[in-house]
C-alpha cells in the first residue's frame, strides 16, 4: 500500500484535480475518490450510470476492478472519469 497522486479530469468539469489514491485501490474506488471533488460541485450527478476511468493520453479504458498498481500509471498522470451505462 502506497499513496499515489493522479490528476483527475472529470467529464464536463473544467478543473483538473490532484487526487491521492492508493496503489491497492481498484478503479471503482479511484472513480469515487475523483467524483467526490466534482459531483455536486461543478458536475451534476447522473442516476443509473456508473463511473468509468480511461487514460487521458491514449483513451485506454481501465477495467473497473483493476488495481492502480496494475494499470501502469505514472505518478501525476492524468486520468479521465466519465459516466457510462456499462
PDB file of N, CA and C in Angstrom:
ATOM      1  N   UNK A   1       0.839  -1.178   0.000  1.00  0.00           N
ATOM      2  CA  UNK A   1       0.000   0.000   0.000  1.00  0.00           C
ATOM      3  C   UNK A   1       0.882   1.239   0.000  1.00  0.00           C
ATOM      4  N   UNK A   2       0.592   2.106  -0.939  1.00  0.00           N
ATOM      5  CA  UNK A   2       1.366   3.339  -1.035  1.00  0.00           C
ATOM      6  C   UNK A   2       0.502   4.435  -1.628  1.00  0.00           C
ATOM      7  N   UNK A   3       0.708   5.638  -1.137  1.00  0.00           N
ATOM      8  CA  UNK A   3      -0.004   6.790  -1.695  1.00  0.00           C
ATOM      9  C   UNK A   3       0.466   7.026  -3.117  1.00  0.00           C
ATOM     10  N   UNK A   4      -0.480   7.399  -3.979  1.00  0.00           N
ATOM     11  CA  UNK A   4      -0.191   7.565  -5.402  1.00  0.00           C
ATOM     12  C   UNK A   4      -1.017   8.730  -5.930  1.00  0.00           C
ATOM     13  N   UNK A   5      -0.386   9.854  -6.299  1.00  0.00           N
ATOM     14  CA  UNK A   5      -1.142  11.016  -6.785  1.00  0.00           C
ATOM     15  C   UNK A   5      -1.480  10.895  -8.275  1.00  0.00           C
ATOM     16  N   UNK A   6      -2.721  11.202  -8.607  1.00  0.00           N
ATOM     17  CA  UNK A   6      -3.163  11.230 -10.000  1.00  0.00           C
ATOM     18  C   UNK A   6      -3.861  12.552 -10.285  1.00  0.00           C
ATOM     19  N   UNK A   7      -3.768  13.011 -11.527  1.00  0.00           N
ATOM     20  CA  UNK A   7      -4.556  14.151 -11.967  1.00  0.00           C
ATOM     21  C   UNK A   7      -5.884  13.610 -12.479  1.00  0.00           C
ATOM     22  N   UNK A   8      -6.975  14.179 -11.983  1.00  0.00           N
ATOM     23  CA  UNK A   8      -8.315  13.730 -12.326  1.00  0.00           C
ATOM     24  C   UNK A   8      -9.009  14.783 -13.180  1.00  0.00           C
ATOM     25  N   UNK A   9      -9.432  14.378 -14.365  1.00  0.00           N
ATOM     26  CA  UNK A   9     -10.203  15.241 -15.261  1.00  0.00           C
ATOM     27  C   UNK A   9     -11.581  14.613 -15.409  1.00  0.00           C
ATOM     28  N   UNK A  10     -12.567  15.178 -14.723  1.00  0.00           N
ATOM     29  CA  UNK A  10     -13.911  14.628 -14.731  1.00  0.00           C
ATOM     30  C   UNK A  10     -14.686  15.200 -15.913  1.00  0.00           C
ATOM     31  N   UNK A  11     -15.419  14.339 -16.609  1.00  0.00           N
ATOM     32  CA  UNK A  11     -16.213  14.760 -17.768  1.00  0.00           C
ATOM     33  C   UNK A  11     -17.113  15.940 -17.404  1.00  0.00           C
ATOM     34  N   UNK A  12     -17.104  16.959 -18.227  1.00  0.00           N
ATOM     35  CA  UNK A  12     -17.895  18.183 -18.065  1.00  0.00           C
ATOM     36  C   UNK A  12     -17.446  19.073 -16.911  1.00  0.00           C
ATOM     37  N   UNK A  13     -16.270  18.831 -16.383  1.00  0.00           N
ATOM     38  CA  UNK A  13     -15.691  19.699 -15.356  1.00  0.00           C
ATOM     39  C   UNK A  13     -14.555  20.478 -16.007  1.00  0.00           C
ATOM     40  N   UNK A  14     -14.335  21.686 -15.563  1.00  0.00           N
ATOM     41  CA  UNK A  14     -13.252  22.494 -16.125  1.00  0.00           C
ATOM     42  C   UNK A  14     -12.027  22.533 -15.215  1.00  0.00           C
ATOM     43  N   UNK A  15     -12.089  21.836 -14.077  1.00  0.00           N
ATOM     44  CA  UNK A  15     -10.990  21.831 -13.116  1.00  0.00           C
ATOM     45  C   UNK A  15     -10.321  20.457 -13.117  1.00  0.00           C
ATOM     46  N   UNK A  16      -9.002  20.462 -13.206  1.00  0.00           N
ATOM     47  CA  UNK A  16      -8.234  19.225 -13.036  1.00  0.00           C
ATOM     48  C   UNK A  16      -7.795  19.167 -11.585  1.00  0.00           C
ATOM     49  N   UNK A  17      -8.106  18.057 -10.925  1.00  0.00           N
ATOM     50  CA  UNK A  17      -7.808  17.886  -9.513  1.00  0.00           C
ATOM     51  C   UNK A  17      -6.617  16.953  -9.333  1.00  0.00           C
ATOM     52  N   UNK A  18      -5.821  17.195  -8.298  1.00  0.00           N
ATOM     53  CA  UNK A  18      -4.834  16.218  -7.866  1.00  0.00           C
ATOM     54  C   UNK A  18      -5.518  15.387  -6.790  1.00  0.00           C
ATOM     55  N   UNK A  19      -5.621  14.083  -7.037  1.00  0.00           N
ATOM     56  CA  UNK A  19      -6.332  13.198  -6.117  1.00  0.00           C
ATOM     57  C   UNK A  19      -5.370  12.131  -5.618  1.00  0.00           C
ATOM     58  N   UNK A  20      -5.191  12.052  -4.307  1.00  0.00           N
ATOM     59  CA  UNK A  20      -4.343  10.978  -3.769  1.00  0.00           C
ATOM     60  C   UNK A  20      -5.141   9.681  -3.692  1.00  0.00           C
ATOM     61  N   UNK A  21      -4.623   8.641  -4.309  1.00  0.00           N
ATOM     62  CA  UNK A  21      -5.237   7.320  -4.241  1.00  0.00           C
ATOM     63  C   UNK A  21      -4.197   6.363  -3.663  1.00  0.00           C
ATOM     64  N   UNK A  22      -4.571   5.117  -3.539  1.00  0.00           N
ATOM     65  CA  UNK A  22      -3.660   4.099  -3.030  1.00  0.00           C
ATOM     66  C   UNK A  22      -3.362   3.106  -4.144  1.00  0.00           C
ATOM     67  N   UNK A  23      -2.171   2.574  -4.153  1.00  0.00           N
ATOM     68  CA  UNK A  23      -1.797   1.617  -5.193  1.00  0.00           C
ATOM     69  C   UNK A  23      -2.654   0.356  -5.154  1.00  0.00           C
ATOM     70  N   UNK A  24      -3.291   0.072  -4.022  1.00  0.00           N
ATOM     71  CA  UNK A  24      -4.162  -1.098  -3.884  1.00  0.00           C
ATOM     72  C   UNK A  24      -5.619  -0.803  -4.238  1.00  0.00           C
ATOM     73  N   UNK A  25      -5.962   0.467  -4.475  1.00  0.00           N
ATOM     74  CA  UNK A  25      -7.327   0.830  -4.853  1.00  0.00           C
ATOM     75  C   UNK A  25      -7.665   0.242  -6.211  1.00  0.00           C
ATOM     76  N   UNK A  26      -8.923  -0.225  -6.348  1.00  0.00           N
ATOM     77  CA  UNK A  26      -9.398  -0.620  -7.670  1.00  0.00           C
ATOM     78  C   UNK A  26      -9.978   0.624  -8.347  1.00  0.00           C
ATOM     79  N   UNK A  27     -10.169   0.551  -9.643  1.00  0.00           N
ATOM     80  CA  UNK A  27     -10.606   1.728 -10.399  1.00  0.00           C
ATOM     81  C   UNK A  27     -11.968   2.255  -9.943  1.00  0.00           C
ATOM     82  N   UNK A  28     -12.864   1.394  -9.490  1.00  0.00           N
ATOM     83  CA  UNK A  28     -14.137   1.881  -8.954  1.00  0.00           C
ATOM     84  C   UNK A  28     -13.907   2.783  -7.741  1.00  0.00           C
ATOM     85  N   UNK A  29     -12.953   2.422  -6.887  1.00  0.00           N
ATOM     86  CA  UNK A  29     -12.628   3.254  -5.724  1.00  0.00           C
ATOM     87  C   UNK A  29     -11.980   4.565  -6.149  1.00  0.00           C
ATOM     88  N   UNK A  30     -11.110   4.497  -7.142  1.00  0.00           N
ATOM     89  CA  UNK A  30     -10.458   5.700  -7.667  1.00  0.00           C
ATOM     90  C   UNK A  30     -11.511   6.640  -8.245  1.00  0.00           C
ATOM     91  N   UNK A  31     -12.447   6.091  -9.004  1.00  0.00           N
ATOM     92  CA  UNK A  31     -13.514   6.909  -9.605  1.00  0.00           C
ATOM     93  C   UNK A  31     -14.315   7.629  -8.530  1.00  0.00           C
ATOM     94  N   UNK A  32     -14.628   6.934  -7.444  1.00  0.00           N
ATOM     95  CA  UNK A  32     -15.383   7.551  -6.348  1.00  0.00           C
ATOM     96  C   UNK A  32     -14.587   8.665  -5.683  1.00  0.00           C
ATOM     97  N   UNK A  33     -13.292   8.437  -5.491  1.00  0.00           N
ATOM     98  CA  UNK A  33     -12.445   9.465  -4.878  1.00  0.00           C
ATOM     99  C   UNK A  33     -12.366  10.698  -5.773  1.00  0.00           C
ATOM    100  N   UNK A  34     -12.281  10.488  -7.070  1.00  0.00           N
ATOM    101  CA  UNK A  34     -12.223  11.606  -8.013  1.00  0.00           C
ATOM    102  C   UNK A  34     -13.578  12.317  -8.090  1.00  0.00           C
ATOM    103  N   UNK A  35     -14.658  11.536  -8.105  1.00  0.00           N
ATOM    104  CA  UNK A  35     -16.003  12.100  -8.212  1.00  0.00           C
ATOM    105  C   UNK A  35     -16.317  13.021  -7.044  1.00  0.00           C
ATOM    106  N   UNK A  36     -15.803  12.695  -5.886  1.00  0.00           N
ATOM    107  CA  UNK A  36     -16.051  13.500  -4.685  1.00  0.00           C
ATOM    108  C   UNK A  36     -15.715  14.974  -4.922  1.00  0.00           C
ATOM    109  N   UNK A  37     -14.705  15.243  -5.726  1.00  0.00           N
ATOM    110  CA  UNK A  37     -14.231  16.609  -5.956  1.00  0.00           C
ATOM    111  C   UNK A  37     -14.990  17.341  -7.065  1.00  0.00           C
ATOM    112  N   UNK A  38     -15.835  16.626  -7.812  1.00  0.00           N
ATOM    113  CA  UNK A  38     -16.533  17.235  -8.946  1.00  0.00           C
ATOM    114  C   UNK A  38     -18.053  17.169  -8.860  1.00  0.00           C
ATOM    115  N   UNK A  39     -18.584  16.001  -8.505  1.00  0.00           N
ATOM    116  CA  UNK A  39     -20.041  15.826  -8.498  1.00  0.00           C
ATOM    117  C   UNK A  39     -20.667  16.675  -7.394  1.00  0.00           C
ATOM    118  N   UNK A  40     -21.744  17.335  -7.770  1.00  0.00           N
ATOM    119  CA  UNK A  40     -22.471  18.270  -6.898  1.00  0.00           C
ATOM    120  C   UNK A  40     -21.670  19.525  -6.563  1.00  0.00           C
ATOM    121  N   UNK A  41     -20.599  19.721  -7.263  1.00  0.00           N
ATOM    122  CA  UNK A  41     -19.821  20.965  -7.143  1.00  0.00           C
ATOM    123  C   UNK A  41     -19.872  21.703  -8.493  1.00  0.00           C
ATOM    124  N   UNK A  42     -19.384  21.032  -9.526  1.00  0.00           N
ATOM    125  CA  UNK A  42     -19.408  21.603 -10.870  1.00  0.00           C
ATOM    126  C   UNK A  42     -20.034  20.646 -11.888  1.00  0.00           C
ATOM    127  N   UNK A  43     -20.328  19.420 -11.462  1.00  0.00           N
ATOM    128  CA  UNK A  43     -20.897  18.400 -12.340  1.00  0.00           C
ATOM    129  C   UNK A  43     -22.154  17.834 -11.671  1.00  0.00           C
ATOM    130  N   UNK A  44     -23.211  17.726 -12.439  1.00  0.00           N
ATOM    131  CA  UNK A  44     -24.449  17.159 -11.911  1.00  0.00           C
ATOM    132  C   UNK A  44     -24.349  15.634 -11.836  1.00  0.00           C
ATOM    133  N   UNK A  45     -24.919  15.033 -10.796  1.00  0.00           N
ATOM    134  CA  UNK A  45     -24.935  13.573 -10.732  1.00  0.00           C
ATOM    135  C   UNK A  45     -25.864  13.003 -11.808  1.00  0.00           C
ATOM    136  N   UNK A  46     -25.580  11.793 -12.238  1.00  0.00           N
ATOM    137  CA  UNK A  46     -26.418  11.117 -13.227  1.00  0.00           C
ATOM    138  C   UNK A  46     -26.903   9.798 -12.641  1.00  0.00           C
ATOM    139  N   UNK A  47     -28.204   9.671 -12.526  1.00  0.00           N
ATOM    140  CA  UNK A  47     -28.811   8.465 -11.960  1.00  0.00           C
ATOM    141  C   UNK A  47     -28.625   7.274 -12.902  1.00  0.00           C
ATOM    142  N   UNK A  48     -28.501   6.108 -12.310  1.00  0.00           N
ATOM    143  CA  UNK A  48     -28.431   4.837 -13.037  1.00  0.00           C
ATOM    144  C   UNK A  48     -27.255   4.736 -14.005  1.00  0.00           C
ATOM    145  N   UNK A  49     -26.203   5.463 -13.738  1.00  0.00           N
ATOM    146  CA  UNK A  49     -24.992   5.360 -14.553  1.00  0.00           C
ATOM    147  C   UNK A  49     -23.831   5.023 -13.633  1.00  0.00           C
ATOM    148  N   UNK A  50     -22.801   4.412 -14.188  1.00  0.00           N
ATOM    149  CA  UNK A  50     -21.617   4.073 -13.410  1.00  0.00           C
ATOM    150  C   UNK A  50     -20.458   4.955 -13.840  1.00  0.00           C
ATOM    151  N   UNK A  51     -19.486   5.085 -12.976  1.00  0.00           N
ATOM    152  CA  UNK A  51     -18.294   5.863 -13.287  1.00  0.00           C
ATOM    153  C   UNK A  51     -17.240   4.943 -13.874  1.00  0.00           C
ATOM    154  N   UNK A  52     -16.620   5.391 -14.934  1.00  0.00           N
ATOM    155  CA  UNK A  52     -15.529   4.641 -15.573  1.00  0.00           C
ATOM    156  C   UNK A  52     -14.316   5.546 -15.683  1.00  0.00           C
ATOM    157  N   UNK A  53     -13.159   4.923 -15.888  1.00  0.00           N
ATOM    158  CA  UNK A  53     -11.893   5.656 -15.984  1.00  0.00           C
ATOM    159  C   UNK A  53     -11.153   5.240 -17.242  1.00  0.00           C
ATOM    160  N   UNK A  54     -10.572   6.244 -17.912  1.00  0.00           N
ATOM    161  CA  UNK A  54      -9.691   5.959 -19.036  1.00  0.00           C
ATOM    162  C   UNK A  54      -8.439   6.831 -18.920  1.00  0.00           C
ATOM    163  N   UNK A  55      -7.392   6.370 -19.551  1.00  0.00           N
ATOM    164  CA  UNK A  55      -6.119   7.107 -19.582  1.00  0.00           C
ATOM    165  C   UNK A  55      -6.293   8.305 -20.516  1.00  0.00           C
ATOM    166  N   UNK A  56      -5.927   9.476 -20.063  1.00  0.00           N
ATOM    167  CA  UNK A  56      -6.109  10.703 -20.844  1.00  0.00           C
ATOM    168  C   UNK A  56      -5.271  10.691 -22.122  1.00  0.00           C
ATOM    169  N   UNK A  57      -4.061  10.184 -22.047  1.00  0.00           N
ATOM    170  CA  UNK A  57      -3.139  10.286 -23.181  1.00  0.00           C
ATOM    171  C   UNK A  57      -3.545   9.450 -24.387  1.00  0.00           C
ATOM    172  N   UNK A  58      -4.171   8.289 -24.162  1.00  0.00           N
ATOM    173  CA  UNK A  58      -4.495   7.439 -25.312  1.00  0.00           C
ATOM    174  C   UNK A  58      -5.900   6.836 -25.277  1.00  0.00           C
ATOM    175  N   UNK A  59      -6.695   7.171 -24.270  1.00  0.00           N
ATOM    176  CA  UNK A  59      -8.074   6.696 -24.204  1.00  0.00           C
ATOM    177  C   UNK A  59      -8.245   5.263 -23.742  1.00  0.00           C
ATOM    178  N   UNK A  60      -7.164   4.631 -23.265  1.00  0.00           N
ATOM    179  CA  UNK A  60      -7.253   3.256 -22.775  1.00  0.00           C
ATOM    180  C   UNK A  60      -8.256   3.170 -21.627  1.00  0.00           C
ATOM    181  N   UNK A  61      -9.249   2.319 -21.781  1.00  0.00           N
ATOM    182  CA  UNK A  61     -10.283   2.134 -20.769  1.00  0.00           C
ATOM    183  C   UNK A  61      -9.813   1.098 -19.756  1.00  0.00           C
ATOM    184  N   UNK A  62      -9.897   1.447 -18.475  1.00  0.00           N
ATOM    185  CA  UNK A  62      -9.465   0.537 -17.425  1.00  0.00           C
ATOM    186  C   UNK A  62     -10.636  -0.299 -16.929  1.00  0.00           C
ATOM    187  N   UNK A  63     -10.368  -1.548 -16.642  1.00  0.00           N
ATOM    188  CA  UNK A  63     -11.358  -2.430 -16.031  1.00  0.00           C
ATOM    189  C   UNK A  63     -11.730  -1.874 -14.665  1.00  0.00           C
ATOM    190  N   UNK A  64     -12.988  -2.020 -14.286  1.00  0.00           N
ATOM    191  CA  UNK A  64     -13.466  -1.455 -13.025  1.00  0.00           C
ATOM    192  C   UNK A  64     -12.809  -2.094 -11.811  1.00  0.00           C
ATOM    193  N   UNK A  65     -12.332  -3.329 -11.931  1.00  0.00           N
ATOM    194  CA  UNK A  65     -11.712  -3.989 -10.791  1.00  0.00           C
ATOM    195  C   UNK A  65     -10.189  -4.039 -10.865  1.00  0.00           C
ATOM    196  N   UNK A  66      -9.603  -3.322 -11.829  1.00  0.00           N
ATOM    197  CA  UNK A  66      -8.147  -3.258 -11.950  1.00  0.00           C
ATOM    198  C   UNK A  66      -7.574  -2.400 -10.822  1.00  0.00           C
ATOM    199  N   UNK A  67      -6.490  -2.855 -10.225  1.00  0.00           N
ATOM    200  CA  UNK A  67      -5.821  -2.075  -9.185  1.00  0.00           C
ATOM    201  C   UNK A  67      -4.915  -1.028  -9.819  1.00  0.00           C
ATOM    202  N   UNK A  68      -4.727   0.058  -9.109  1.00  0.00           N
ATOM    203  CA  UNK A  68      -3.860   1.137  -9.591  1.00  0.00           C
ATOM    204  C   UNK A  68      -2.466   0.588  -9.899  1.00  0.00           C
ATOM    205  N   UNK A  69      -1.947  -0.258  -9.020  1.00  0.00           N
ATOM    206  CA  UNK A  69      -0.590  -0.790  -9.219  1.00  0.00           C
ATOM    207  C   UNK A  69      -0.464  -1.630 -10.489  1.00  0.00           C
ATOM    208  N   UNK A  70      -1.566  -2.145 -11.007  1.00  0.00           N
ATOM    209  CA  UNK A  70      -1.547  -2.977 -12.210  1.00  0.00           C
ATOM    210  C   UNK A  70      -1.863  -2.203 -13.492  1.00  0.00           C
ATOM    211  N   UNK A  71      -2.157  -0.926 -13.367  1.00  0.00           N
ATOM    212  CA  UNK A  71      -2.586  -0.126 -14.518  1.00  0.00           C
ATOM    213  C   UNK A  71      -1.433   0.544 -15.263  1.00  0.00           C
ATOM    214  N   UNK A  72      -0.218   0.403 -14.768  1.00  0.00           N
ATOM    215  CA  UNK A  72       0.954   1.032 -15.389  1.00  0.00           C
ATOM    216  C   UNK A  72       0.808   2.548 -15.507  1.00  0.00           C
ATOM    217  N   UNK A  73       0.165   3.137 -14.516  1.00  0.00           N
ATOM    218  CA  UNK A  73       0.055   4.596 -14.462  1.00  0.00           C
ATOM    219  C   UNK A  73       1.313   5.174 -13.818  1.00  0.00           C
ATOM    220  N   UNK A  74       1.633   6.381 -14.224  1.00  0.00           N
ATOM    221  CA  UNK A  74       2.748   7.097 -13.616  1.00  0.00           C
ATOM    222  C   UNK A  74       2.208   8.072 -12.575  1.00  0.00           C
ATOM    223  N   UNK A  75       2.979   8.371 -11.536  1.00  0.00           N
ATOM    224  CA  UNK A  75       2.532   9.387 -10.580  1.00  0.00           C
ATOM    225  C   UNK A  75       2.226  10.701 -11.307  1.00  0.00           C
ATOM    226  N   UNK A  76       1.139  11.319 -10.966  1.00  0.00           N
ATOM    227  CA  UNK A  76       0.608  12.564 -11.540  1.00  0.00           C
ATOM    228  C   UNK A  76       0.148  12.419 -12.999  1.00  0.00           C
ATOM    229  N   UNK A  77      -0.018  11.206 -13.484  1.00  0.00           N
ATOM    230  CA  UNK A  77      -0.591  11.014 -14.814  1.00  0.00           C
ATOM    231  C   UNK A  77      -2.063  11.429 -14.773  1.00  0.00           C
ATOM    232  N   UNK A  78      -2.579  11.909 -15.894  1.00  0.00           N
ATOM    233  CA  UNK A  78      -3.972  12.346 -15.961  1.00  0.00           C
ATOM    234  C   UNK A  78      -4.876  11.203 -16.387  1.00  0.00           C
ATOM    235  N   UNK A  79      -5.945  11.016 -15.599  1.00  0.00           N
ATOM    236  CA  UNK A  79      -6.991  10.063 -15.949  1.00  0.00           C
ATOM    237  C   UNK A  79      -8.280  10.836 -16.163  1.00  0.00           C
ATOM    238  N   UNK A  80      -9.151  10.287 -16.994  1.00  0.00           N
ATOM    239  CA  UNK A  80     -10.459  10.894 -17.243  1.00  0.00           C
ATOM    240  C   UNK A  80     -11.532  10.028 -16.605  1.00  0.00           C
ATOM    241  N   UNK A  81     -12.438  10.663 -15.884  1.00  0.00           N
ATOM    242  CA  UNK A  81     -13.546   9.969 -15.259  1.00  0.00           C
ATOM    243  C   UNK A  81     -14.813  10.398 -15.986  1.00  0.00           C
ATOM    244  N   UNK A  82     -15.665   9.415 -16.324  1.00  0.00           N
ATOM    245  CA  UNK A  82     -16.866   9.734 -17.079  1.00  0.00           C
ATOM    246  C   UNK A  82     -17.991   8.771 -16.697  1.00  0.00           C
ATOM    247  N   UNK A  83     -19.223   9.203 -16.954  1.00  0.00           N
ATOM    248  CA  UNK A  83     -20.391   8.358 -16.731  1.00  0.00           C
ATOM    249  C   UNK A  83     -20.568   7.405 -17.908  1.00  0.00           C
ATOM    250  N   UNK A  84     -21.001   6.185 -17.586  1.00  0.00           N
ATOM    251  CA  UNK A  84     -21.229   5.182 -18.618  1.00  0.00           C
ATOM    252  C   UNK A  84     -22.448   4.348 -18.240  1.00  0.00           C
ATOM    253  N   UNK A  85     -23.045   3.720 -19.231  1.00  0.00           N
ATOM    254  CA  UNK A  85     -24.146   2.787 -18.982  1.00  0.00           C
ATOM    255  C   UNK A  85     -23.641   1.393 -18.641  1.00  0.00           C
ATOM    256  N   UNK A  86     -22.382   1.121 -18.993  1.00  0.00           N
ATOM    257  CA  UNK A  86     -21.810  -0.209 -18.726  1.00  0.00           C
ATOM    258  C   UNK A  86     -20.462  -0.103 -18.049  1.00  0.00           C
TER     259      UNK A  86
END
